[in-house]
Amino acid sequence: MARGRRVNSSGEKSKQLLLEKAIEQFSTYGYHQTKISDIVKAANLTQPTFYLYFKSKESLFKDLNEQFQNDLGEVFSDGYTAKKNDSNGMKNHIQENLTRIFSYFVENPKLTKIGFYESEQAADVKEMLVTRLLNEIENEQHQINTLTHVDTRILADSLLGSMERLTWTTLLTEKSNPEKLSEDIVNIYFA
C-alpha cells in the first residue's frame, strides 16, 4: 500500500476528492485562510496523500485556476457561428456565449467564486473575456448601425462589468437563470 493513501482507495478518487474539498475550502474561507490540513481533514485523507498529487497549496490553487480558465475558454469558443449579413447574428452570438458562460458559472459556483472573483488570475480571465467580446463586436460591428459611434473597448468592458456584477448578485443567488440573464443583458446593450 502506498504511503498516505487510505485502504482500498484509488489514486484518482483521492485526487478528485482533494480537488473538490479544496474548491469548497477556498471558496468558503479564501486562499489565505485555507490550510492544507483543512483540505485533507475535509477529504478525510492524510497530508502525505495530498503531497502525492500536489506540490503545495499554491500549486493546487494554480491548478484550479487553470482549470477554470481552460473551461471558460472552451465554453466561450463552442457553439454558434454568426451568419453573414444577419442583423441579429452578433446579438444572437453574444447571447448564446453569455448563456453558455452563465450556465458554466451556475454548474460550478464555487470554482467561479475562486476563478472569477478571488484569485490573482481573475484579472487575466476577465481580460480574456473582454478580448473575445471585443473581437466578436469588431468583426460584426457593421451589423448594428448604433455601434459605429461607440468605442468597442468600452462596450466590451461594460459587458464584462455587467457579467461580473450580475453573476454575483443575480445568477449565483438564483434570482435569474442563464438564458434570461443573457437575454436581458443583450437587450440592454443591443436593443
Protein backbone atom coordinates (compact mmCIF):
# COMPACT_ATOMS: atom_id res chain seq x y z
CA MET A 1 0.00 0.00 0.00
CA ALA A 2 1.35 3.41 -0.95
CA ARG A 3 2.20 5.66 1.96
CA GLY A 4 -0.50 8.20 2.80
CA ARG A 5 -3.37 6.56 0.96
CA ARG A 6 -6.42 5.14 2.62
CA VAL A 7 -7.01 1.42 2.33
CA ASN A 8 -8.96 0.50 -0.83
CA SER A 9 -8.82 3.97 -2.29
CA SER A 10 -7.73 4.59 -5.83
CA GLY A 11 -5.35 7.41 -6.56
CA GLU A 12 -7.70 9.15 -8.95
CA LYS A 13 -10.55 9.14 -6.45
CA SER A 14 -8.30 10.61 -3.77
CA LYS A 15 -7.02 13.33 -6.07
CA GLN A 16 -10.55 14.21 -7.18
CA LEU A 17 -11.75 14.31 -3.58
CA LEU A 18 -8.88 16.63 -2.66
CA LEU A 19 -9.78 18.93 -5.58
CA GLU A 20 -13.45 19.02 -4.58
CA LYS A 21 -12.67 19.75 -0.94
CA ALA A 22 -10.09 22.37 -1.92
CA ILE A 23 -12.69 24.16 -4.04
CA GLU A 24 -15.10 24.12 -1.10
CA GLN A 25 -12.48 25.39 1.36
CA PHE A 26 -11.06 28.09 -0.92
CA SER A 27 -14.49 29.38 -1.93
CA THR A 28 -15.71 29.45 1.68
CA TYR A 29 -12.65 30.70 3.55
CA GLY A 30 -10.45 32.18 0.83
CA TYR A 31 -6.97 31.20 -0.24
CA HIS A 32 -5.06 32.68 2.70
CA GLN A 33 -7.35 31.28 5.41
CA THR A 34 -7.36 27.77 3.95
CA LYS A 35 -4.65 25.38 5.10
CA ILE A 36 -3.62 22.07 3.62
CA SER A 37 -4.68 20.47 6.90
CA ASP A 38 -8.20 21.88 6.36
CA ILE A 39 -8.39 20.35 2.89
CA VAL A 40 -7.18 16.90 3.91
CA LYS A 41 -9.38 16.87 7.00
CA ALA A 42 -12.45 17.71 4.88
CA ALA A 43 -11.45 14.93 2.46
CA ASN A 44 -10.75 12.50 5.32
CA LEU A 45 -7.29 11.88 3.90
CA THR A 46 -3.76 12.46 5.13
CA GLN A 47 -1.25 15.18 4.33
CA PRO A 48 1.12 12.65 2.72
CA THR A 49 -1.73 11.78 0.34
CA PHE A 50 -2.07 15.47 -0.52
CA TYR A 51 1.63 15.63 -1.40
CA LEU A 52 1.32 12.62 -3.70
CA TYR A 53 -0.73 14.82 -6.04
CA PHE A 54 0.20 18.43 -5.31
CA LYS A 55 3.49 20.14 -4.51
CA SER A 56 1.86 22.78 -2.34
CA LYS A 57 -1.31 24.70 -1.60
CA GLU A 58 -0.13 27.26 -4.18
CA SER A 59 0.22 24.64 -6.91
CA LEU A 60 -3.23 23.24 -6.14
CA PHE A 61 -4.77 26.72 -6.25
CA LYS A 62 -2.95 27.40 -9.53
CA ASP A 63 -4.28 24.12 -10.97
CA LEU A 64 -7.84 25.09 -10.02
CA ASN A 65 -7.44 28.49 -11.68
CA GLU A 66 -6.01 26.93 -14.82
CA GLN A 67 -8.95 24.52 -14.91
CA PHE A 68 -11.36 27.48 -14.63
CA GLN A 69 -9.56 29.42 -17.37
CA ASN A 70 -9.44 26.44 -19.72
CA ASP A 71 -13.07 25.53 -19.11
CA LEU A 72 -14.20 29.10 -19.68
CA GLY A 73 -12.15 29.39 -22.86
CA GLU A 74 -13.75 26.22 -24.20
CA VAL A 75 -17.23 27.33 -23.19
CA PHE A 76 -16.79 30.65 -24.97
CA SER A 77 -15.39 29.06 -28.14
CA ASP A 78 -18.07 26.40 -28.64
CA GLY A 79 -21.27 26.78 -30.49
CA TYR A 80 -22.95 29.38 -32.64
CA THR A 81 -21.40 30.93 -35.73
CA ALA A 82 -22.94 34.18 -36.90
CA LYS A 83 -24.32 34.22 -40.44
CA LYS A 84 -23.06 36.93 -42.72
CA ASN A 85 -25.49 39.81 -43.26
CA ASP A 86 -27.69 38.62 -40.44
CA SER A 87 -28.64 41.72 -38.44
CA ASN A 88 -29.24 39.60 -35.36
CA GLY A 89 -26.14 37.44 -35.85
CA MET A 90 -23.90 39.28 -33.43
CA LYS A 91 -26.65 39.70 -30.84
CA ASN A 92 -27.51 36.01 -31.05
CA HIS A 93 -23.86 35.01 -30.90
CA ILE A 94 -23.16 37.13 -27.83
CA GLN A 95 -26.36 35.96 -26.16
CA GLU A 96 -25.52 32.31 -26.79
CA ASN A 97 -21.99 32.81 -25.50
CA LEU A 98 -23.29 34.55 -22.39
CA THR A 99 -25.80 31.76 -21.82
CA ARG A 100 -23.05 29.12 -22.06
CA ILE A 101 -20.76 31.10 -19.72
CA PHE A 102 -23.54 31.71 -17.21
CA SER A 103 -24.54 28.04 -17.37
CA TYR A 104 -20.96 27.07 -16.56
CA PHE A 105 -20.99 29.53 -13.63
CA VAL A 106 -24.23 28.02 -12.29
CA GLU A 107 -22.87 24.47 -12.66
CA ASN A 108 -19.58 25.47 -10.95
CA PRO A 109 -20.45 28.23 -8.47
CA LYS A 110 -17.59 27.60 -6.05
CA LEU A 111 -14.96 27.36 -8.78
CA THR A 112 -16.46 30.53 -10.31
CA LYS A 113 -16.09 32.33 -7.00
CA ILE A 114 -12.42 31.36 -6.92
CA GLY A 115 -11.53 31.86 -10.58
CA PHE A 116 -13.71 34.85 -11.47
CA TYR A 117 -13.58 36.84 -8.25
CA GLU A 118 -10.90 35.84 -5.75
CA SER A 119 -7.75 34.66 -7.49
CA GLU A 120 -4.94 36.84 -8.75
CA GLN A 121 -5.58 35.30 -12.17
CA ALA A 122 -9.18 36.60 -12.19
CA ALA A 123 -7.96 39.75 -13.94
CA ASP A 124 -6.45 37.59 -16.69
CA VAL A 125 -9.70 35.66 -17.08
CA LYS A 126 -11.66 38.89 -17.38
CA GLU A 127 -9.20 40.33 -19.88
CA MET A 128 -9.52 37.15 -21.96
CA LEU A 129 -13.31 37.53 -21.96
CA VAL A 130 -13.09 41.23 -22.88
CA THR A 131 -10.74 40.41 -25.74
CA ARG A 132 -13.08 37.73 -27.09
CA LEU A 133 -16.11 40.01 -26.76
CA LEU A 134 -14.18 42.82 -28.43
CA ASN A 135 -13.26 40.56 -31.35
CA GLU A 136 -16.88 39.50 -31.81
CA ILE A 137 -18.12 43.07 -31.67
CA GLU A 138 -15.48 44.39 -34.06
CA ASN A 139 -15.96 41.53 -36.53
CA GLU A 140 -19.72 42.06 -36.68
CA GLN A 141 -19.96 45.78 -35.85
CA HIS A 142 -21.29 46.63 -39.32
CA GLN A 143 -24.49 44.70 -38.50
CA ILE A 144 -25.65 47.22 -35.91
CA ASN A 145 -25.62 50.84 -37.00
CA THR A 146 -25.65 52.25 -33.47
CA LEU A 147 -22.30 50.61 -32.77
CA THR A 148 -20.46 52.74 -35.30
CA HIS A 149 -20.40 55.62 -32.79
CA VAL A 150 -19.38 53.53 -29.78
CA ASP A 151 -15.87 52.78 -28.53
CA THR A 152 -15.91 48.98 -28.84
CA ARG A 153 -13.40 48.52 -26.00
CA ILE A 154 -15.73 50.42 -23.65
CA LEU A 155 -18.64 48.31 -24.85
CA ALA A 156 -16.73 45.06 -24.24
CA ASP A 157 -15.57 46.26 -20.80
CA SER A 158 -19.16 47.27 -19.96
CA LEU A 159 -20.46 43.85 -20.98
CA LEU A 160 -17.88 42.21 -18.75
CA GLY A 161 -18.76 44.54 -15.88
CA SER A 162 -22.39 43.58 -16.25
CA MET A 163 -21.47 39.90 -16.36
CA GLU A 164 -19.32 40.21 -13.26
CA ARG A 165 -21.85 42.13 -11.17
CA LEU A 166 -24.94 40.23 -12.30
CA THR A 167 -23.29 36.83 -11.86
CA TRP A 168 -22.67 37.71 -8.23
CA THR A 169 -25.96 39.45 -7.45
CA THR A 170 -28.45 37.70 -9.70
CA LEU A 171 -27.17 34.44 -11.13
CA LEU A 172 -25.43 32.84 -8.15
CA THR A 173 -28.25 33.99 -5.87
CA GLU A 174 -30.71 32.22 -8.21
CA LYS A 175 -32.72 35.39 -8.91
CA SER A 176 -32.33 34.66 -12.63
CA ASN A 177 -31.22 31.83 -14.87
CA PRO A 178 -28.53 31.82 -17.58
CA GLU A 179 -30.93 32.17 -20.50
CA LYS A 180 -32.95 35.04 -19.02
CA LEU A 181 -29.92 36.93 -17.77
CA SER A 182 -28.21 36.64 -21.16
CA GLU A 183 -31.32 37.86 -22.92
CA ASP A 184 -31.65 40.82 -20.54
CA ILE A 185 -28.02 41.87 -20.99
CA VAL A 186 -28.19 41.66 -24.78
CA ASN A 187 -31.44 43.65 -24.80
CA ILE A 188 -29.83 46.37 -22.69
CA TYR A 189 -26.76 46.72 -24.89
CA PHE A 190 -28.08 45.86 -28.34
CA ALA A 191 -31.77 46.85 -28.32
